[in-house]
Amino acid sequence: MTKADLLAKMQDAGAWLPGKTIKIDFGGDDGVILMDGANSLVSDADMGADTTIKVSWDDFQSLASGALDGMTAFMTGKLKVEGDMGNAMQLQGIFAKLRG
């Protein structure tokens, strides 16, 4: 799946937390995805967020597909969280929307 495909799928699935902003930073040339629950929008805008999650593109795809558990990724350092940890904990529900 390309990043553009993922953005469209996330927008269609309503993959955001109401009133919260979460940025997934893939690092390097892979850029970011911003889930803007205040505006009900998913974009590739690189701006401030309540929570920033740093994860590689490959590991993110594994998380989204269910092949990699979020807690395992966090404990092994594959996923790093900056900001509100509570928002990060709610991402399992977002991933479930993507798989559904």
N, C-alpha and C. Protein backbone atom coordinates (compact mmCIF):
# COMPACT_ATOMS: atom_id res chain seq x y z
N MET A 1 0.84 -1.17 0.00
CA MET A 1 0.00 0.00 0.00
C MET A 1 0.89 1.24 0.00
N THR A 2 0.55 2.19 -0.85
CA THR A 2 1.31 3.44 -0.87
C THR A 2 0.78 4.37 0.21
N LYS A 3 1.55 5.41 0.50
CA LYS A 3 1.11 6.37 1.50
C LYS A 3 -0.17 7.08 1.05
N ALA A 4 -0.27 7.39 -0.24
CA ALA A 4 -1.49 8.04 -0.76
C ALA A 4 -2.70 7.12 -0.57
N ASP A 5 -2.52 5.82 -0.83
CA ASP A 5 -3.61 4.86 -0.62
C ASP A 5 -4.01 4.83 0.85
N LEU A 6 -3.01 4.83 1.73
CA LEU A 6 -3.28 4.79 3.16
C LEU A 6 -4.02 6.04 3.61
N LEU A 7 -3.60 7.20 3.14
CA LEU A 7 -4.29 8.45 3.50
C LEU A 7 -5.76 8.37 3.11
N ALA A 8 -6.05 7.92 1.90
CA ALA A 8 -7.43 7.82 1.42
C ALA A 8 -8.22 6.83 2.27
N LYS A 9 -7.62 5.68 2.57
CA LYS A 9 -8.30 4.65 3.37
C LYS A 9 -8.59 5.17 4.78
N MET A 10 -7.61 5.87 5.37
CA MET A 10 -7.80 6.41 6.71
C MET A 10 -8.89 7.47 6.73
N GLN A 11 -8.93 8.34 5.70
CA GLN A 11 -9.96 9.37 5.63
C GLN A 11 -11.33 8.71 5.51
N ASP A 12 -11.45 7.72 4.62
CA ASP A 12 -12.73 7.04 4.41
C ASP A 12 -13.20 6.32 5.68
N ALA A 13 -12.23 5.78 6.45
CA ALA A 13 -12.57 5.02 7.66
C ALA A 13 -12.80 5.91 8.88
N GLY A 14 -12.56 7.21 8.74
CA GLY A 14 -12.69 8.11 9.90
C GLY A 14 -11.65 7.78 10.95
N ALA A 15 -10.41 7.56 10.50
CA ALA A 15 -9.33 7.12 11.39
C ALA A 15 -8.69 8.31 12.11
N TRP A 16 -9.40 8.81 13.11
CA TRP A 16 -8.89 9.87 13.97
C TRP A 16 -9.61 9.79 15.30
N LEU A 17 -9.08 10.50 16.28
CA LEU A 17 -9.71 10.59 17.59
C LEU A 17 -10.39 11.95 17.68
N PRO A 18 -11.68 12.00 17.98
CA PRO A 18 -12.40 13.28 18.03
C PRO A 18 -11.70 14.30 18.92
N GLY A 19 -11.44 15.47 18.34
CA GLY A 19 -10.85 16.57 19.10
C GLY A 19 -9.36 16.47 19.35
N LYS A 20 -8.71 15.42 18.86
CA LYS A 20 -7.27 15.21 19.10
C LYS A 20 -6.50 15.21 17.79
N THR A 21 -5.23 15.58 17.86
CA THR A 21 -4.36 15.47 16.69
C THR A 21 -3.24 14.50 17.00
N ILE A 22 -3.04 13.57 16.09
CA ILE A 22 -1.98 12.59 16.22
C ILE A 22 -1.18 12.59 14.93
N LYS A 23 0.12 12.73 15.06
CA LYS A 23 1.00 12.71 13.90
C LYS A 23 1.81 11.42 13.94
N ILE A 24 1.82 10.71 12.83
CA ILE A 24 2.67 9.54 12.68
C ILE A 24 3.83 9.96 11.80
N ASP A 25 5.02 9.94 12.39
CA ASP A 25 6.24 10.38 11.70
C ASP A 25 7.02 9.15 11.28
N PHE A 26 7.11 8.94 9.96
CA PHE A 26 7.81 7.77 9.43
C PHE A 26 9.31 8.02 9.28
N GLY A 27 9.73 9.26 9.45
CA GLY A 27 11.15 9.60 9.34
C GLY A 27 11.60 9.71 7.90
N GLY A 28 12.69 10.45 7.72
CA GLY A 28 13.31 10.57 6.40
C GLY A 28 12.36 11.00 5.31
N ASP A 29 12.48 10.33 4.17
CA ASP A 29 11.70 10.68 2.99
C ASP A 29 10.27 10.17 3.03
N ASP A 30 9.93 9.34 4.03
CA ASP A 30 8.59 8.77 4.09
C ASP A 30 7.57 9.74 4.65
N GLY A 31 8.01 10.84 5.28
CA GLY A 31 7.10 11.89 5.72
C GLY A 31 6.24 11.54 6.91
N VAL A 32 5.04 12.13 6.95
CA VAL A 32 4.14 12.00 8.09
C VAL A 32 2.70 11.78 7.62
N ILE A 33 1.88 11.32 8.55
CA ILE A 33 0.43 11.33 8.39
C ILE A 33 -0.12 12.03 9.63
N LEU A 34 -1.00 13.00 9.42
CA LEU A 34 -1.61 13.73 10.51
C LEU A 34 -3.09 13.36 10.58
N MET A 35 -3.48 12.80 11.72
CA MET A 35 -4.89 12.48 11.96
C MET A 35 -5.45 13.62 12.81
N ASP A 36 -6.23 14.48 12.17
CA ASP A 36 -6.74 15.69 12.80
C ASP A 36 -8.20 15.49 13.19
N GLY A 37 -8.41 15.07 14.43
CA GLY A 37 -9.77 14.81 14.90
C GLY A 37 -10.58 16.06 15.13
N ALA A 38 -9.91 17.22 15.26
CA ALA A 38 -10.63 18.48 15.43
C ALA A 38 -11.34 18.88 14.14
N ASN A 39 -10.74 18.52 13.00
CA ASN A 39 -11.29 18.88 11.70
C ASN A 39 -11.76 17.66 10.90
N SER A 40 -11.75 16.48 11.51
CA SER A 40 -12.16 15.23 10.84
C SER A 40 -11.44 15.05 9.51
N LEU A 41 -10.11 15.10 9.58
CA LEU A 41 -9.29 15.09 8.38
C LEU A 41 -8.02 14.28 8.60
N VAL A 42 -7.63 13.53 7.59
CA VAL A 42 -6.34 12.84 7.58
C VAL A 42 -5.54 13.43 6.43
N SER A 43 -4.31 13.88 6.70
CA SER A 43 -3.50 14.51 5.66
C SER A 43 -2.03 14.17 5.87
N ASP A 44 -1.20 14.69 4.96
CA ASP A 44 0.24 14.52 5.10
C ASP A 44 0.91 15.82 5.56
N ALA A 45 0.12 16.68 6.23
CA ALA A 45 0.64 17.95 6.74
C ALA A 45 1.56 17.69 7.93
N ASP A 46 2.74 18.29 7.89
CA ASP A 46 3.70 18.13 8.99
C ASP A 46 3.60 19.35 9.88
N MET A 47 2.77 19.22 10.91
CA MET A 47 2.56 20.31 11.86
C MET A 47 2.47 19.75 13.26
N GLY A 48 2.38 20.61 14.24
CA GLY A 48 2.31 20.18 15.63
C GLY A 48 1.11 19.30 15.89
N ALA A 49 1.22 18.44 16.91
CA ALA A 49 0.13 17.53 17.25
C ALA A 49 0.15 17.26 18.75
N ASP A 50 -0.99 16.80 19.28
CA ASP A 50 -1.06 16.43 20.69
C ASP A 50 -0.13 15.25 20.99
N THR A 51 -0.03 14.35 20.02
CA THR A 51 0.81 13.15 20.17
C THR A 51 1.54 12.91 18.86
N THR A 52 2.82 12.61 18.95
CA THR A 52 3.60 12.23 17.78
C THR A 52 4.12 10.81 17.99
N ILE A 53 3.89 9.98 17.00
CA ILE A 53 4.35 8.60 17.04
C ILE A 53 5.41 8.44 15.97
N LYS A 54 6.57 7.99 16.39
CA LYS A 54 7.67 7.78 15.45
C LYS A 54 7.82 6.28 15.22
N VAL A 55 7.67 5.90 13.95
CA VAL A 55 7.73 4.49 13.57
C VAL A 55 8.12 4.42 12.09
N SER A 56 8.84 3.37 11.71
CA SER A 56 9.20 3.23 10.30
C SER A 56 7.95 2.87 9.49
N TRP A 57 8.02 3.16 8.19
CA TRP A 57 6.90 2.85 7.30
C TRP A 57 6.58 1.35 7.34
N ASP A 58 7.61 0.51 7.28
CA ASP A 58 7.40 -0.94 7.29
C ASP A 58 6.75 -1.41 8.59
N ASP A 59 7.24 -0.90 9.72
CA ASP A 59 6.65 -1.29 11.00
C ASP A 59 5.23 -0.79 11.13
N PHE A 60 4.93 0.40 10.59
CA PHE A 60 3.57 0.92 10.64
C PHE A 60 2.62 0.01 9.86
N GLN A 61 3.06 -0.44 8.70
CA GLN A 61 2.20 -1.33 7.91
C GLN A 61 1.94 -2.63 8.66
N SER A 62 2.95 -3.12 9.37
CA SER A 62 2.77 -4.32 10.18
C SER A 62 1.78 -4.07 11.32
N LEU A 63 1.87 -2.89 11.94
CA LEU A 63 0.92 -2.53 12.99
C LEU A 63 -0.50 -2.45 12.44
N ALA A 64 -0.65 -1.77 11.32
CA ALA A 64 -1.98 -1.56 10.74
C ALA A 64 -2.61 -2.88 10.30
N SER A 65 -1.80 -3.84 9.87
CA SER A 65 -2.34 -5.12 9.41
C SER A 65 -2.61 -6.09 10.55
N GLY A 66 -2.06 -5.78 11.74
CA GLY A 66 -2.24 -6.66 12.88
C GLY A 66 -1.10 -7.65 13.04
N ALA A 67 -0.10 -7.61 12.13
CA ALA A 67 1.03 -8.54 12.23
C ALA A 67 1.97 -8.16 13.37
N LEU A 68 1.96 -6.90 13.77
CA LEU A 68 2.81 -6.42 14.88
C LEU A 68 1.90 -5.78 15.93
N ASP A 69 2.06 -6.20 17.16
CA ASP A 69 1.29 -5.66 18.28
C ASP A 69 1.89 -4.32 18.71
N GLY A 70 1.03 -3.33 18.98
CA GLY A 70 1.48 -2.00 19.36
C GLY A 70 2.33 -1.99 20.62
N MET A 71 1.94 -2.75 21.62
CA MET A 71 2.71 -2.78 22.87
C MET A 71 4.08 -3.42 22.64
N THR A 72 4.12 -4.46 21.83
CA THR A 72 5.41 -5.10 21.50
C THR A 72 6.30 -4.11 20.76
N ALA A 73 5.72 -3.39 19.81
CA ALA A 73 6.50 -2.41 19.05
C ALA A 73 7.06 -1.34 19.97
N PHE A 74 6.25 -0.89 20.92
CA PHE A 74 6.69 0.14 21.87
C PHE A 74 7.81 -0.40 22.77
N MET A 75 7.61 -1.59 23.31
CA MET A 75 8.58 -2.16 24.25
C MET A 75 9.91 -2.50 23.59
N THR A 76 9.89 -2.79 22.30
CA THR A 76 11.13 -3.14 21.60
C THR A 76 11.77 -1.93 20.91
N GLY A 77 11.15 -0.75 21.08
CA GLY A 77 11.73 0.47 20.53
C GLY A 77 11.41 0.72 19.06
N LYS A 78 10.55 -0.09 18.47
CA LYS A 78 10.17 0.11 17.08
C LYS A 78 9.19 1.27 16.93
N LEU A 79 8.55 1.64 18.04
CA LEU A 79 7.57 2.71 18.06
C LEU A 79 7.89 3.60 19.25
N LYS A 80 7.98 4.90 19.00
CA LYS A 80 8.26 5.87 20.07
C LYS A 80 7.12 6.87 20.12
N VAL A 81 6.75 7.29 21.33
CA VAL A 81 5.62 8.20 21.52
C VAL A 81 6.10 9.46 22.20
N GLU A 82 5.73 10.61 21.64
CA GLU A 82 6.00 11.91 22.25
C GLU A 82 4.65 12.59 22.47
N GLY A 83 4.45 13.15 23.66
CA GLY A 83 3.20 13.83 23.95
C GLY A 83 2.25 12.95 24.74
N ASP A 84 0.96 13.08 24.48
CA ASP A 84 -0.09 12.42 25.25
C ASP A 84 -0.14 10.91 24.95
N MET A 85 0.34 10.11 25.89
CA MET A 85 0.38 8.65 25.73
C MET A 85 -1.03 8.07 25.62
N GLY A 86 -2.01 8.72 26.25
CA GLY A 86 -3.40 8.24 26.19
C GLY A 86 -3.91 8.18 24.76
N ASN A 87 -3.53 9.16 23.95
CA ASN A 87 -3.94 9.15 22.54
C ASN A 87 -3.32 7.96 21.82
N ALA A 88 -2.07 7.69 22.10
CA ALA A 88 -1.38 6.57 21.45
C ALA A 88 -2.05 5.25 21.81
N MET A 89 -2.50 5.12 23.05
CA MET A 89 -3.14 3.89 23.50
C MET A 89 -4.46 3.63 22.75
N GLN A 90 -5.07 4.67 22.24
CA GLN A 90 -6.34 4.53 21.54
C GLN A 90 -6.17 4.17 20.06
N LEU A 91 -4.93 4.10 19.60
CA LEU A 91 -4.70 3.82 18.18
C LEU A 91 -5.11 2.40 17.77
N GLN A 92 -5.18 1.47 18.71
CA GLN A 92 -5.61 0.11 18.36
C GLN A 92 -6.99 0.16 17.70
N GLY A 93 -7.86 1.04 18.21
CA GLY A 93 -9.18 1.18 17.61
C GLY A 93 -9.12 1.72 16.20
N ILE A 94 -8.18 2.62 15.95
CA ILE A 94 -8.01 3.16 14.60
C ILE A 94 -7.51 2.07 13.67
N PHE A 95 -6.54 1.27 14.13
CA PHE A 95 -6.04 0.18 13.30
C PHE A 95 -7.14 -0.83 12.98
N ALA A 96 -8.02 -1.06 13.94
CA ALA A 96 -9.14 -1.98 13.72
C ALA A 96 -10.04 -1.46 12.60
N LYS A 97 -10.24 -0.14 12.55
CA LYS A 97 -11.05 0.46 11.47
C LYS A 97 -10.39 0.21 10.11
N LEU A 98 -9.07 0.27 10.06
CA LEU A 98 -8.36 0.07 8.80
C LEU A 98 -8.44 -1.37 8.31
N ARG A 99 -8.49 -2.30 9.26
CA ARG A 99 -8.57 -3.71 8.89
C ARG A 99 -9.99 -4.14 8.56
N GLY A 100 -10.96 -3.37 9.04
CA GLY A 100 -12.37 -3.75 8.88
C GLY A 100 -12.91 -3.54 7.50
